């Protein structure tokens, strides 16, 4: 997974619980900027952490 793909995937995972809520445009924009400015390694580490959390919930 490339760095850009990983960042897009992380952003999608973080936004999933918020879908359907109106009025979050500023938050979405801020979150996208924060994710895109992260180093690729940090993004991959956060994705791995989210995967582990998801596996422990089932």
N, C-alpha and C. Protein backbone atom coordinates (compact mmCIF):
# COMPACT_ATOMS: atom_id res chain seq x y z
N UNK A 1 0.86 -1.17 0.00
CA UNK A 1 0.00 0.00 0.00
C UNK A 1 0.90 1.23 0.00
N UNK A 2 0.66 2.12 -0.94
CA UNK A 2 1.47 3.33 -1.00
C UNK A 2 1.10 4.27 0.14
N UNK A 3 1.94 5.24 0.37
CA UNK A 3 1.68 6.20 1.44
C UNK A 3 0.38 6.96 1.24
N UNK A 4 0.11 7.36 -0.01
CA UNK A 4 -1.11 8.10 -0.30
C UNK A 4 -2.33 7.21 -0.11
N UNK A 5 -2.25 5.97 -0.54
CA UNK A 5 -3.36 5.04 -0.36
C UNK A 5 -3.60 4.78 1.12
N UNK A 6 -2.54 4.62 1.89
CA UNK A 6 -2.67 4.39 3.33
C UNK A 6 -3.33 5.59 3.99
N UNK A 7 -2.96 6.79 3.58
CA UNK A 7 -3.55 7.99 4.17
C UNK A 7 -5.04 8.08 3.83
N UNK A 8 -5.39 7.77 2.60
CA UNK A 8 -6.80 7.79 2.21
C UNK A 8 -7.59 6.75 2.99
N UNK A 9 -6.99 5.58 3.18
CA UNK A 9 -7.66 4.52 3.92
C UNK A 9 -7.86 4.92 5.39
N UNK A 10 -6.83 5.50 6.01
CA UNK A 10 -6.94 5.95 7.39
C UNK A 10 -8.02 7.02 7.53
N UNK A 11 -8.03 7.97 6.60
CA UNK A 11 -9.05 9.02 6.63
C UNK A 11 -10.45 8.41 6.53
N UNK A 12 -10.63 7.46 5.63
CA UNK A 12 -11.94 6.81 5.47
C UNK A 12 -12.36 6.08 6.75
N UNK A 13 -11.42 5.38 7.37
CA UNK A 13 -11.74 4.66 8.61
C UNK A 13 -12.13 5.62 9.74
N UNK A 14 -11.44 6.74 9.81
CA UNK A 14 -11.74 7.71 10.86
C UNK A 14 -13.07 8.43 10.61
N UNK A 15 -13.44 8.59 9.35
CA UNK A 15 -14.68 9.29 9.01
C UNK A 15 -15.90 8.38 9.03
N UNK A 16 -15.72 7.08 8.94
CA UNK A 16 -16.84 6.14 8.86
C UNK A 16 -17.88 6.33 9.97
N UNK A 17 -17.47 6.44 11.23
CA UNK A 17 -18.48 6.60 12.28
C UNK A 17 -19.24 7.94 12.21
N UNK A 18 -18.70 8.89 11.47
CA UNK A 18 -19.30 10.23 11.43
C UNK A 18 -20.18 10.46 10.21
N UNK A 19 -20.28 9.46 9.33
CA UNK A 19 -21.11 9.63 8.13
C UNK A 19 -22.55 9.89 8.54
N UNK A 20 -23.18 10.80 7.83
CA UNK A 20 -24.55 11.13 8.12
C UNK A 20 -24.73 12.34 9.03
N UNK A 21 -23.67 12.75 9.69
CA UNK A 21 -23.74 13.93 10.54
C UNK A 21 -23.49 15.18 9.70
N UNK A 22 -24.38 16.13 9.79
CA UNK A 22 -24.21 17.37 9.04
C UNK A 22 -23.46 18.37 9.92
N UNK A 23 -22.83 19.31 9.29
CA UNK A 23 -22.15 20.36 10.03
C UNK A 23 -20.74 20.00 10.45
N UNK A 24 -20.18 18.96 9.87
CA UNK A 24 -18.82 18.55 10.24
C UNK A 24 -17.79 18.91 9.17
N UNK A 25 -18.13 19.81 8.29
CA UNK A 25 -17.21 20.13 7.19
C UNK A 25 -15.87 20.66 7.68
N UNK A 26 -15.89 21.51 8.71
CA UNK A 26 -14.63 22.05 9.23
C UNK A 26 -13.82 20.92 9.85
N UNK A 27 -14.47 20.03 10.61
CA UNK A 27 -13.77 18.90 11.21
C UNK A 27 -13.20 17.99 10.14
N UNK A 28 -13.98 17.69 9.11
CA UNK A 28 -13.51 16.83 8.02
C UNK A 28 -12.28 17.42 7.34
N UNK A 29 -12.34 18.72 7.08
CA UNK A 29 -11.22 19.38 6.42
C UNK A 29 -9.97 19.35 7.31
N UNK A 30 -10.14 19.62 8.59
CA UNK A 30 -9.02 19.59 9.53
C UNK A 30 -8.44 18.18 9.63
N UNK A 31 -9.32 17.18 9.72
CA UNK A 31 -8.85 15.80 9.81
C UNK A 31 -8.08 15.40 8.55
N UNK A 32 -8.59 15.79 7.39
CA UNK A 32 -7.89 15.45 6.15
C UNK A 32 -6.51 16.08 6.12
N UNK A 33 -6.40 17.35 6.52
CA UNK A 33 -5.10 18.01 6.55
C UNK A 33 -4.14 17.32 7.51
N UNK A 34 -4.66 16.93 8.68
CA UNK A 34 -3.80 16.28 9.67
C UNK A 34 -3.31 14.92 9.17
N UNK A 35 -4.20 14.14 8.55
CA UNK A 35 -3.80 12.83 8.05
C UNK A 35 -2.80 12.99 6.91
N UNK A 36 -3.06 13.91 6.00
CA UNK A 36 -2.15 14.08 4.85
C UNK A 36 -0.77 14.61 5.26
N UNK A 37 -0.69 15.30 6.39
CA UNK A 37 0.61 15.82 6.83
C UNK A 37 1.40 14.81 7.66
N UNK A 38 0.79 13.68 8.00
CA UNK A 38 1.49 12.66 8.78
C UNK A 38 2.54 11.96 7.93
N UNK A 39 3.64 11.58 8.55
CA UNK A 39 4.61 10.74 7.84
C UNK A 39 3.99 9.38 7.52
N UNK A 40 4.42 8.79 6.41
CA UNK A 40 3.85 7.50 5.97
C UNK A 40 3.97 6.43 7.04
N UNK A 41 5.08 6.39 7.74
CA UNK A 41 5.27 5.37 8.78
C UNK A 41 4.23 5.52 9.89
N UNK A 42 3.97 6.74 10.30
CA UNK A 42 2.97 6.97 11.35
C UNK A 42 1.58 6.53 10.89
N UNK A 43 1.26 6.80 9.63
CA UNK A 43 -0.04 6.39 9.09
C UNK A 43 -0.17 4.88 9.13
N UNK A 44 0.87 4.18 8.69
CA UNK A 44 0.83 2.71 8.70
C UNK A 44 0.71 2.17 10.12
N UNK A 45 1.40 2.79 11.06
CA UNK A 45 1.30 2.36 12.46
C UNK A 45 -0.12 2.56 13.00
N UNK A 46 -0.73 3.67 12.67
CA UNK A 46 -2.10 3.93 13.14
C UNK A 46 -3.09 2.97 12.49
N UNK A 47 -2.89 2.66 11.21
CA UNK A 47 -3.75 1.68 10.55
C UNK A 47 -3.63 0.31 11.21
N UNK A 48 -2.41 -0.08 11.52
CA UNK A 48 -2.19 -1.37 12.19
C UNK A 48 -2.85 -1.37 13.56
N UNK A 49 -2.75 -0.28 14.28
CA UNK A 49 -3.40 -0.17 15.59
C UNK A 49 -4.92 -0.31 15.46
N UNK A 50 -5.50 0.35 14.48
CA UNK A 50 -6.94 0.24 14.26
C UNK A 50 -7.34 -1.19 13.89
N UNK A 51 -6.52 -1.85 13.08
CA UNK A 51 -6.80 -3.26 12.73
C UNK A 51 -6.79 -4.16 13.96
N UNK A 52 -5.80 -3.93 14.84
CA UNK A 52 -5.73 -4.73 16.06
C UNK A 52 -6.94 -4.49 16.95
N UNK A 53 -7.34 -3.24 17.09
CA UNK A 53 -8.51 -2.91 17.89
C UNK A 53 -9.76 -3.58 17.31
N UNK A 54 -9.88 -3.56 16.01
CA UNK A 54 -11.04 -4.15 15.36
C UNK A 54 -11.07 -5.67 15.56
N UNK A 55 -9.93 -6.30 15.54
CA UNK A 55 -9.86 -7.76 15.73
C UNK A 55 -10.20 -8.15 17.15
N UNK A 56 -9.87 -7.32 18.12
CA UNK A 56 -10.15 -7.66 19.52
C UNK A 56 -11.61 -7.44 19.86
N UNK A 57 -12.34 -6.69 19.02
CA UNK A 57 -13.75 -6.42 19.29
C UNK A 57 -14.65 -7.52 18.77
N UNK A 58 -14.11 -8.51 18.09
CA UNK A 58 -14.95 -9.59 17.55
C UNK A 58 -14.68 -10.89 18.23
